[in-house]
Protein backbone atom coordinates (compact mmCIF):
# COMPACT_ATOMS: atom_id res chain seq x y z
CA MET A 1 -6.65 24.35 25.06
CA ARG A 2 -6.05 21.01 23.13
CA ARG A 3 -3.75 20.93 19.93
CA GLY A 4 -4.00 19.17 17.18
CA PHE A 5 -1.78 16.67 17.90
CA ASP A 6 -0.42 15.20 21.62
CA ARG A 7 3.21 14.60 22.12
CA SER A 8 3.31 10.78 22.16
CA GLN A 9 1.29 10.89 18.87
CA ARG A 10 4.20 12.85 17.07
CA ILE A 11 6.91 10.80 19.02
CA ALA A 12 5.00 7.47 17.81
CA ASP A 13 4.88 9.13 14.13
CA GLN A 14 8.95 10.02 14.67
CA ILE A 15 9.48 6.52 15.82
CA GLN A 16 7.80 4.84 12.93
CA ARG A 17 9.12 7.25 9.99
CA ILE A 18 12.77 6.63 11.62
CA LEU A 19 12.38 2.95 12.94
CA GLY A 20 11.29 1.39 8.91
CA PRO A 21 14.57 2.40 7.29
CA MET A 22 16.80 1.19 10.09
CA LEU A 23 15.33 -1.97 9.89
CA LEU A 24 15.99 -2.44 6.44
CA GLN A 25 19.80 -0.62 6.57
CA GLU A 26 21.28 -1.43 9.85
CA MET A 27 19.59 -4.84 10.62
CA GLY A 28 21.82 -8.13 8.66
CA ASP A 29 19.29 -10.07 8.97
CA GLU A 30 17.41 -10.93 5.55
CA ARG A 31 14.12 -11.75 6.96
CA MET A 32 13.87 -7.77 7.87
CA ARG A 33 12.98 -6.98 4.46
CA LEU A 34 9.66 -8.91 5.15
CA VAL A 35 8.74 -6.47 8.34
CA THR A 36 6.85 -3.49 7.75
CA ILE A 37 5.68 -1.10 10.57
CA THR A 38 2.51 -0.66 10.21
CA SER A 39 1.72 1.66 13.59
CA VAL A 40 3.29 2.90 16.96
CA THR A 41 1.57 4.12 19.91
CA VAL A 42 3.25 5.41 22.95
CA ALA A 43 2.65 5.70 26.46
CA ARG A 44 1.47 9.15 27.30
CA ASP A 45 4.81 9.55 30.11
CA LEU A 46 6.81 7.97 27.03
CA SER A 47 8.36 5.34 28.98
CA PHE A 48 6.58 2.46 26.45
CA ALA A 49 6.33 2.17 22.70
CA LYS A 50 4.40 -0.69 21.56
CA ILE A 51 5.41 -1.06 17.68
CA TYR A 52 2.73 -3.37 15.25
CA VAL A 53 4.64 -4.67 12.52
CA GLY A 54 3.28 -6.67 9.74
CA VAL A 55 5.53 -9.17 8.34
CA LEU A 56 4.93 -10.66 4.09
CA SER A 57 4.71 -14.24 5.08
CA GLU A 58 1.51 -16.86 6.00
CA ASP A 59 4.01 -19.05 7.92
CA ALA A 60 2.61 -18.71 11.24
CA ALA A 61 6.23 -20.00 12.75
CA ALA A 62 8.41 -17.45 10.74
CA ILE A 63 6.34 -14.91 11.84
CA LYS A 64 6.43 -15.37 15.24
CA ASP A 65 10.84 -16.10 14.68
CA ILE A 66 11.03 -12.44 13.30
CA VAL A 67 8.63 -11.12 16.48
CA LYS A 68 11.06 -12.77 18.46
CA ALA A 69 14.40 -11.56 16.44
CA LEU A 70 13.15 -7.74 16.67
CA ASN A 71 12.53 -7.94 20.40
CA ASN A 72 15.54 -9.56 20.91
CA ALA A 73 16.97 -6.39 18.70
CA ALA A 74 15.04 -4.28 20.62
CA LYS A 75 17.77 -2.48 23.04
CA THR A 76 19.67 -1.60 20.19
CA LEU A 77 17.14 -0.24 17.86
CA ARG A 78 16.18 1.95 21.07
CA TYR A 79 19.86 3.27 21.25
CA ARG A 80 19.81 3.52 17.19
CA LEU A 81 16.60 5.86 18.14
CA ALA A 82 17.81 7.69 20.78
CA GLN A 83 21.14 8.78 18.43
CA GLU A 84 18.50 9.90 15.73
CA ILE A 85 15.18 11.36 18.09
CA GLU A 86 16.33 14.11 21.28
CA LEU A 87 14.18 12.85 23.93
CA ARG A 88 15.21 12.97 27.89
CA ILE A 89 13.49 9.52 28.16
CA MET A 90 13.49 7.34 24.94
CA PRO A 91 10.50 5.12 25.20
CA GLU A 92 11.16 0.67 25.73
CA LEU A 93 10.44 -0.57 22.28
CA LYS A 94 7.98 -3.92 22.10
CA PHE A 95 7.04 -5.16 18.79
CA VAL A 96 3.77 -6.74 18.15
CA TYR A 97 2.40 -8.88 14.85
CA ASP A 98 -0.22 -6.74 13.57
CA GLU A 99 -2.92 -9.19 12.16
CA SER A 100 -4.88 -6.59 10.14
CA ALA A 101 -3.08 -6.61 7.64
CA ALA A 102 -3.23 -10.24 7.06
CA HIS A 103 -6.30 -10.43 7.62
CA GLY A 104 -7.34 -7.54 5.38
CA PHE A 105 -5.20 -9.12 2.56
CA LYS A 106 -7.45 -12.69 2.76
CA ILE A 107 -10.61 -10.77 2.78
CA SER A 108 -9.52 -8.95 -0.35
CA SER A 109 -8.57 -12.36 -1.76
CA LEU A 110 -12.14 -14.05 -0.71
CA ILE A 111 -13.70 -11.16 -2.58
CA ASP A 112 -11.80 -11.66 -5.67
CA ALA A 113 -12.45 -14.84 -5.53
CA ALA A 114 -15.70 -14.75 -5.23
CA ILE A 115 -16.12 -11.93 -8.17
CA ASN A 116 -14.07 -14.27 -10.61
CA LYS A 117 -16.67 -17.46 -9.91
CA THR A 118 -19.43 -15.21 -10.34
CA GLU A 119 -17.74 -13.73 -13.78
CA ASN A 120 -16.94 -17.26 -14.84
CA LYS A 121 -20.73 -18.53 -14.08
CA ASP A 122 -21.77 -15.57 -15.89
CA LYS A 123 -19.53 -16.21 -19.03
CA LYS A 124 -21.09 -19.72 -19.16
């Protein structure tokens, strides 16, 4: 009989909860203040964790640089996570840019613009 959450999901949630503040406090890079962790997926055998990040920037080059910096720091972050979470095997970390937040913000701004345009038309 299966329980509500499987082990990999519980570990993914724990990684997300610990890694978020760790990026802000322990990374000396100011660009990390623009980063939010949107979700984490962990392989069933706990060998690999894919961390989806959102970046509060529209500059594609800046986003690419931030994700590259995160992937370069992945080993250090993995080591720090291993100190916080008691696991026999700590998953290898891979950071991936999550476009869904940016896409949602873009759609929301388009809707707001359309509503404003309609309201301005009605006032005239």
